[in-house]
Each structure stands twice: as C-alpha cells, then as structure tokens.
Amino acid sequence: MPLSMNRNVFITCAVTGSGSTQDRSPHVPRSPAEIADSAIAAAQAGAAVVHCHVRDPETGAPSRDLKLYRELTERIRDSGTDVVLNLTAGMGGDMTFGDTEHPLPLQQAGTDMAGAAERVAHVIECRPEICTLDCGTMNFAEADYVMTNTPGMLRAMGQMMTDTGVKPEIEAFDTGHLWFAKQLVKEGILEGSALIQLCMGVPWGAPDDLNTFMAMVNNVPQDWNFSAFALGRNQMAYVAASVLAGGNVRVGLEDNLMLDRGVLATNAQLVERAREIIERMGASVIGPEQVRQTLGLTKKAPK
C-alpha cells in the first residue's frame, strides 16, 4: 500500500501506565491528583487525548481501585480543560506462573485475574469517551508473566463497552490481534469504524522495525483510524513514522521516560516534542473537538 501522510494528526499522551517505572523518574505520577495534573499539562501542551491508568498513591504499584479512577476523572473534568479521556481496561488479565517444572499454582505476586464486568466497572461508572481493549494474549518480557485476554473475555468486554457507548481503542501488539479485531467488528460486537493503537517494540509482540510496522498498518482496514507508538528511544521516531504512514501518534511516560540522552522527561515535554515533529513535517495537530468529530465520540456524564 502506498504511503499517504496524515495531514491532521491527534496526539495521545499515555500519562503513567502500569509498568514498574515509578521509581525510575520523579516525573511518573502516582496519586490521582498527580496523574490528573500531568494529564492536564499534556493537554495544554497539545495532546487531544489522555490515556490514563491509576496507581497506588503510596507505592506507585498499578491499581484497579474504582475510587482512584473516580477521583482521577473528576479532577480532569473539574479542571475545565477540554481533552478526550481514555481509560485503560487492560488490568485484570495478569497471570504469573511458577517455575518451568511446577507452573501451577499461579504465583500470587504478579497474578491479577478478574471477570469481564469487574475489568470494565470503572469504565461503566466513569464513562470516558474511549477505553482500551487489549485484543489478544501475549507473553511479556517478564519470564513467566502472560497478559491474558481470551476470545470469550474480549467478546464480553467489547460488548459491555459498546453497550455503554464508550469507544474501544483496540490495542494491537501483533498482527493476530488485528485479525481478531476484525472478527469482533464482523460479529457486531464493535462498531464498524474502529480505532486501533499499534503497539510496537513491546517484548514479545511486534518488533519496532519498519517492515513489521508497515505489515501492521497494511492490516488496518481503510475506514478505521489508527495511532501508533514505540517504546523508549524510538518513541519520537515513531511519531514521524506513524504520521508518514497515515496515522496518529502516542507519546508519554507510560512508554518512554527520556526527552534526550540523560534527560528525564515530563509528559508535557514529550507532547511538545511530538507536536514539533508533526508540524515540521507539514501536518497540523488537531484538538479534542475535531477528534470527537473524526472518531464519532460523544461526551457523557459519569453515572
């Protein structure tokens, strides 16, 4: 497929994530107040979408606590800052096995398995405009950890999102995840004009070489919208690559802690750098209202 550069690009800022980065940079926010403040600063720097996890305010460990999500979303909404809110629904599918000779029982540390309704409870209550749907099971870099998303679980979660009126952002870590996303649309579980996030360079998903990236792009239907990111030092390179391939971009401390070699970044600084790259390429950075029009989003009040 020939390249068709995107001239109207939206930036997503992935504010904090669920990785063990909380002690590697003082800029990684922990509390709902810190996450909200960082998301608002990113929006003011040019991010039209903020993608948010929550963490235990004391330890920085990833959390699914509904009260933390409620506080976070209320703080962002009450700030008066116009931004599209995107909450993760990726928590609750973590399995950590024992050693290779004794894989069962699962290890309590690192295992967090929950049912579909529990995994999307914060989405139904907080009613963001977008939430994520990790569209497949995958080995991660950790030795015996598996991110688990069975077809049945994805169908159930996807239907709940659709019924609630929240648009899923399908997280695709490999081409098979795109294949199943198409199946969900075919079955009517997800709406036809889907939103895809291409996740590049996450061990052991799709590597972040350009041949693999274009294989992913070429598997996205023409009438879908996509965004892409890569981890670490390749984050900004993939800002340019995604725009050139016709997509949108994601940056943020979930995926990369550094602005330059030896220089720790803030979310706002990463958004500013991405915006500079996009505009130097001759494209425009669009705001939240244009994103809503492009993706068919409607702001909803929380329950």
Protein backbone atom coordinates (compact mmCIF):
# COMPACT_ATOMS: atom_id res chain seq x y z
CA MET A 1 0.00 0.00 0.00
CA PRO A 2 1.46 3.41 -0.93
CA LEU A 3 2.10 5.80 1.93
CA SER A 4 -0.49 8.51 2.47
CA MET A 5 0.70 11.02 5.04
CA ASN A 6 -1.81 12.14 7.65
CA ARG A 7 -2.21 15.92 7.49
CA ASN A 8 -4.47 16.24 10.54
CA VAL A 9 -2.91 14.39 13.46
CA PHE A 10 -4.06 13.90 17.02
CA ILE A 11 -1.66 13.24 19.86
CA THR A 12 -2.45 10.81 22.66
CA CYS A 13 -0.46 11.13 25.87
CA ALA A 14 -0.12 7.87 27.85
CA VAL A 15 0.33 9.51 31.21
CA THR A 16 1.61 6.86 33.64
CA GLY A 17 0.93 3.25 32.60
CA SER A 18 1.20 0.18 34.82
CA GLY A 19 4.86 -0.69 34.41
CA SER A 20 7.45 -0.60 37.19
CA THR A 21 8.66 2.89 36.29
CA GLN A 22 7.50 4.69 39.43
CA ASP A 23 10.97 4.74 40.99
CA ARG A 24 12.90 5.43 37.79
CA SER A 25 11.76 9.01 37.33
CA PRO A 26 10.31 11.60 39.72
CA HIS A 27 8.02 12.73 36.90
CA VAL A 28 6.00 9.48 36.80
CA PRO A 29 2.75 10.45 38.57
CA ARG A 30 1.30 8.19 41.29
CA SER A 31 -1.70 9.74 43.02
CA PRO A 32 -4.93 10.69 41.20
CA ALA A 33 -4.05 14.34 41.78
CA GLU A 34 -0.58 13.90 40.25
CA ILE A 35 -1.92 11.89 37.30
CA ALA A 36 -4.66 14.45 36.65
CA ASP A 37 -2.21 17.37 36.84
CA SER A 38 0.16 15.63 34.42
CA ALA A 39 -2.70 14.82 32.05
CA ILE A 40 -3.92 18.42 32.13
CA ALA A 41 -0.40 19.72 31.43
CA ALA A 42 -0.14 17.30 28.50
CA ALA A 43 -3.47 18.54 27.13
CA GLN A 44 -2.33 22.14 27.42
CA ALA A 45 0.83 21.18 25.50
CA GLY A 46 -1.24 19.80 22.62
CA ALA A 47 -2.47 16.30 23.49
CA ALA A 48 -6.08 15.88 22.37
CA VAL A 49 -6.38 12.52 24.17
CA VAL A 50 -5.03 11.44 27.56
CA HIS A 51 -4.73 7.71 28.23
CA CYS A 52 -4.79 7.03 31.98
CA HIS A 53 -4.08 4.21 34.39
CA VAL A 54 -4.17 4.65 38.16
CA ARG A 55 -1.58 3.66 40.73
CA ASP A 56 -1.47 3.12 44.47
CA PRO A 57 -0.60 6.60 45.75
CA GLU A 58 1.79 5.23 48.36
CA THR A 59 3.71 2.55 46.46
CA GLY A 60 3.15 3.55 42.84
CA ALA A 61 2.05 -0.01 42.04
CA PRO A 62 -0.65 -0.42 39.35
CA SER A 63 -4.20 -0.48 40.67
CA ARG A 64 -7.77 -1.16 39.60
CA ASP A 65 -9.29 0.73 42.54
CA LEU A 66 -12.56 2.30 41.40
CA LYS A 67 -12.23 5.16 43.90
CA LEU A 68 -8.90 6.17 42.36
CA TYR A 69 -10.41 6.18 38.86
CA ARG A 70 -13.36 8.22 40.09
CA GLU A 71 -11.11 10.82 41.69
CA LEU A 72 -8.87 11.00 38.63
CA THR A 73 -11.70 11.54 36.16
CA GLU A 74 -13.43 14.07 38.40
CA ARG A 75 -10.22 16.09 38.73
CA ILE A 76 -9.68 16.18 34.96
CA ARG A 77 -13.29 17.10 34.24
CA ASP A 78 -13.48 19.70 37.00
CA SER A 79 -10.33 21.40 35.71
CA GLY A 80 -12.22 22.81 32.75
CA THR A 81 -9.52 21.53 30.39
CA ASP A 82 -11.07 20.13 27.22
CA VAL A 83 -9.46 16.76 26.48
CA VAL A 84 -10.69 13.35 25.35
CA LEU A 85 -10.44 10.94 28.27
CA ASN A 86 -9.18 7.43 27.52
CA LEU A 87 -9.10 4.98 30.45
CA THR A 88 -7.29 1.66 30.38
CA ALA A 89 -9.29 -1.56 30.65
CA GLY A 90 -6.17 -3.67 30.40
CA MET A 91 -5.87 -4.57 34.07
CA GLY A 92 -7.21 -7.83 35.48
CA GLY A 93 -5.74 -10.29 32.98
CA ASP A 94 -2.32 -10.90 34.52
CA MET A 95 -1.06 -14.45 35.06
CA THR A 96 2.31 -15.28 36.61
CA PHE A 97 3.25 -18.95 36.54
CA GLY A 98 5.58 -20.91 38.77
CA ASP A 99 8.86 -22.34 37.52
CA THR A 100 9.04 -24.39 34.34
CA GLU A 101 8.64 -27.71 36.16
CA HIS A 102 5.90 -26.50 38.51
CA PRO A 103 3.87 -23.85 36.62
CA LEU A 104 0.82 -24.33 38.86
CA PRO A 105 -0.45 -22.99 41.15
CA LEU A 106 -0.16 -19.48 39.76
CA GLN A 107 2.06 -17.15 41.74
CA GLN A 108 0.14 -14.71 43.92
CA ALA A 109 2.66 -11.97 43.27
CA GLY A 110 2.01 -10.67 39.77
CA THR A 111 -1.28 -12.53 39.20
CA ASP A 112 -4.41 -10.41 38.91
CA MET A 113 -7.30 -12.19 37.21
CA ALA A 114 -10.79 -10.68 37.19
CA GLY A 115 -14.05 -11.23 35.35
CA ALA A 116 -15.21 -9.08 32.45
CA ALA A 117 -17.66 -6.98 34.49
CA GLU A 118 -15.02 -6.22 37.12
CA ARG A 119 -12.45 -5.30 34.48
CA VAL A 120 -14.73 -2.66 32.96
CA ALA A 121 -16.53 -1.50 36.13
CA HIS A 122 -14.59 1.79 36.21
CA VAL A 123 -15.37 2.39 32.54
CA ILE A 124 -19.10 1.93 33.09
CA GLU A 125 -19.09 4.22 36.13
CA CYS A 126 -16.69 6.94 34.93
CA ARG A 127 -17.89 6.89 31.30
CA PRO A 128 -14.80 8.09 29.45
CA GLU A 129 -15.09 8.72 25.73
CA ILE A 130 -12.55 5.98 24.95
CA CYS A 131 -11.21 2.93 26.78
CA THR A 132 -8.63 0.38 25.72
CA LEU A 133 -9.23 -3.22 24.68
CA ASP A 134 -6.03 -5.30 24.51
CA CYS A 135 -7.05 -7.55 21.67
CA GLY A 136 -5.10 -10.71 22.43
CA THR A 137 -3.00 -12.78 24.82
CA MET A 138 0.76 -12.17 24.84
CA ASN A 139 4.00 -13.09 26.58
CA PHE A 140 5.71 -10.03 28.05
CA ALA A 141 9.39 -9.52 28.84
CA GLU A 142 8.99 -10.91 32.34
CA ALA A 143 9.98 -14.59 32.45
CA ASP A 144 6.70 -16.27 33.34
CA TYR A 145 4.13 -13.46 33.04
CA VAL A 146 1.34 -13.66 30.46
CA MET A 147 -1.14 -10.91 29.57
CA THR A 148 -4.32 -12.96 29.20
CA ASN A 149 -7.24 -11.89 27.02
CA THR A 150 -9.23 -14.87 25.75
CA PRO A 151 -11.65 -14.54 22.82
CA GLY A 152 -14.59 -15.02 25.19
CA MET A 153 -13.30 -12.36 27.58
CA LEU A 154 -12.73 -9.91 24.73
CA ARG A 155 -16.19 -10.50 23.32
CA ALA A 156 -17.76 -9.89 26.73
CA MET A 157 -15.71 -6.78 27.49
CA GLY A 158 -16.15 -5.39 23.98
CA GLN A 159 -19.93 -5.79 24.17
CA MET A 160 -20.05 -4.00 27.54
CA MET A 161 -18.04 -1.11 26.12
CA THR A 162 -20.29 -0.85 23.09
CA ASP A 163 -23.45 -1.05 25.21
CA THR A 164 -22.12 1.71 27.47
CA GLY A 165 -21.36 3.95 24.50
CA VAL A 166 -17.62 4.07 25.14
CA LYS A 167 -15.44 3.65 22.05
CA PRO A 168 -12.84 0.90 22.42
CA GLU A 169 -9.30 1.72 21.38
CA ILE A 170 -8.09 -1.68 20.22
CA GLU A 171 -4.53 -2.25 21.39
CA ALA A 172 -2.80 -4.43 18.78
CA PHE A 173 0.55 -5.89 19.82
CA ASP A 174 0.78 -8.18 16.80
CA THR A 175 -0.97 -8.91 13.50
CA GLY A 176 -3.16 -11.63 15.03
CA HIS A 177 -4.68 -9.04 17.32
CA LEU A 178 -5.79 -7.06 14.27
CA TRP A 179 -7.23 -10.25 12.80
CA PHE A 180 -9.39 -10.79 15.89
CA ALA A 181 -10.39 -7.12 16.00
CA LYS A 182 -11.82 -7.52 12.50
CA GLN A 183 -13.73 -10.55 13.74
CA LEU A 184 -15.25 -8.51 16.59
CA VAL A 185 -16.44 -5.94 14.07
CA LYS A 186 -17.77 -8.67 11.79
CA GLU A 187 -19.77 -10.11 14.70
CA GLY A 188 -21.22 -6.67 15.51
CA ILE A 189 -19.59 -6.53 18.95
CA LEU A 190 -17.56 -3.49 17.96
CA GLU A 191 -18.70 -0.72 15.63
CA GLY A 192 -17.51 -0.79 12.04
CA SER A 193 -15.24 2.27 12.12
CA ALA A 194 -12.83 1.03 14.75
CA LEU A 195 -9.95 2.79 16.47
CA ILE A 196 -6.61 0.96 16.60
CA GLN A 197 -3.43 1.58 18.60
CA LEU A 198 -0.43 -0.17 17.04
CA CYS A 199 1.92 -1.08 19.90
CA MET A 200 5.44 -1.53 18.55
CA GLY A 201 8.51 -2.87 20.26
CA VAL A 202 6.80 -4.34 23.34
CA PRO A 203 8.59 -7.64 24.14
CA TRP A 204 7.39 -10.14 22.88
CA GLY A 205 4.93 -8.58 20.48
CA ALA A 206 5.56 -6.90 17.16
CA PRO A 207 9.14 -5.59 16.94
CA ASP A 208 9.54 -1.93 16.10
CA ASP A 209 11.25 -2.32 12.73
CA LEU A 210 9.60 -0.53 9.82
CA ASN A 211 8.84 -3.69 7.83
CA THR A 212 6.79 -5.07 10.72
CA PHE A 213 5.17 -1.69 11.28
CA MET A 214 4.02 -1.47 7.68
CA ALA A 215 2.70 -5.04 7.88
CA MET A 216 0.59 -3.87 10.82
CA VAL A 217 -0.52 -0.71 9.00
CA ASN A 218 -1.46 -2.70 5.91
CA ASN A 219 -3.72 -4.90 8.05
CA VAL A 220 -5.76 -1.92 9.28
CA PRO A 221 -8.95 -1.50 7.19
CA GLN A 222 -9.10 1.71 5.19
CA ASP A 223 -12.12 3.08 7.06
CA TRP A 224 -10.55 2.58 10.52
CA ASN A 225 -8.46 5.17 12.37
CA PHE A 226 -5.10 4.20 13.80
CA SER A 227 -2.40 5.55 16.03
CA ALA A 228 1.00 4.07 16.85
CA PHE A 229 3.82 4.21 19.35
CA ALA A 230 7.15 2.59 20.11
CA LEU A 231 8.97 2.24 23.41
CA GLY A 232 11.97 4.09 24.75
CA ARG A 233 14.41 5.80 22.41
CA ASN A 234 12.29 5.02 19.34
CA GLN A 235 9.25 6.90 20.64
CA MET A 236 9.86 10.06 18.63
CA ALA A 237 10.97 8.19 15.53
CA TYR A 238 7.56 6.52 15.52
CA VAL A 239 5.85 9.89 15.77
CA ALA A 240 7.26 10.60 12.31
CA ALA A 241 6.71 7.05 11.04
CA SER A 242 3.06 6.94 12.06
CA VAL A 243 2.25 10.32 10.54
CA LEU A 244 4.01 9.33 7.31
CA ALA A 245 2.03 6.07 7.21
CA GLY A 246 -1.29 7.91 7.62
CA GLY A 247 -1.79 7.54 11.36
CA ASN A 248 -1.88 9.45 14.60
CA VAL A 249 0.66 9.36 17.43
CA ARG A 250 1.07 8.42 21.06
CA VAL A 251 3.78 9.60 23.42
CA GLY A 252 4.05 9.73 27.20
CA LEU A 253 5.76 8.38 30.27
CA GLU A 254 3.99 5.03 30.02
CA ASP A 255 6.23 4.23 27.06
CA ASN A 256 9.35 6.36 27.48
CA LEU A 257 10.96 8.28 30.36
CA MET A 258 13.59 10.28 28.45
CA LEU A 259 13.45 13.53 26.50
CA ASP A 260 17.09 13.29 25.42
CA ARG A 261 20.03 11.13 26.46
CA GLY A 262 20.35 11.55 30.22
CA VAL A 263 17.42 13.99 30.42
CA LEU A 264 14.26 12.78 32.15
CA ALA A 265 11.05 14.00 30.51
CA THR A 266 7.68 15.19 31.69
CA ASN A 267 4.54 14.25 29.80
CA ALA A 268 4.10 17.85 28.63
CA GLN A 269 7.65 17.91 27.24
CA LEU A 270 7.09 14.71 25.30
CA VAL A 271 3.88 16.12 23.81
CA GLU A 272 5.67 19.35 22.90
CA ARG A 273 8.45 17.40 21.16
CA ALA A 274 5.91 15.30 19.25
CA ARG A 275 3.99 18.40 18.22
CA GLU A 276 7.18 19.99 16.89
CA ILE A 277 7.95 16.89 14.79
CA ILE A 278 4.42 16.74 13.39
CA GLU A 279 4.33 20.41 12.46
CA ARG A 280 7.81 20.32 10.92
CA MET A 281 6.54 17.52 8.70
CA GLY A 282 3.89 19.92 7.39
CA ALA A 283 0.94 18.40 9.24
CA SER A 284 -1.44 20.02 11.73
CA VAL A 285 -2.10 18.92 15.30
CA ILE A 286 -5.85 18.76 15.90
CA GLY A 287 -7.67 19.35 19.15
CA PRO A 288 -10.20 17.32 21.14
CA GLU A 289 -13.32 18.61 19.41
CA GLN A 290 -12.00 17.65 15.97
CA VAL A 291 -11.01 14.25 17.38
CA ARG A 292 -14.60 13.76 18.59
CA GLN A 293 -15.88 14.55 15.12
CA THR A 294 -13.35 12.24 13.46
CA LEU A 295 -13.97 9.30 15.79
CA GLY A 296 -17.70 9.83 16.39
CA LEU A 297 -17.31 10.45 20.12
CA THR A 298 -19.88 11.97 22.46
CA LYS A 299 -19.08 13.38 25.87
CA LYS A 300 -21.04 11.61 28.59
CA ALA A 301 -21.62 12.47 32.21
CA PRO A 302 -20.49 9.93 34.82
CA LYS A 303 -23.13 7.70 36.41
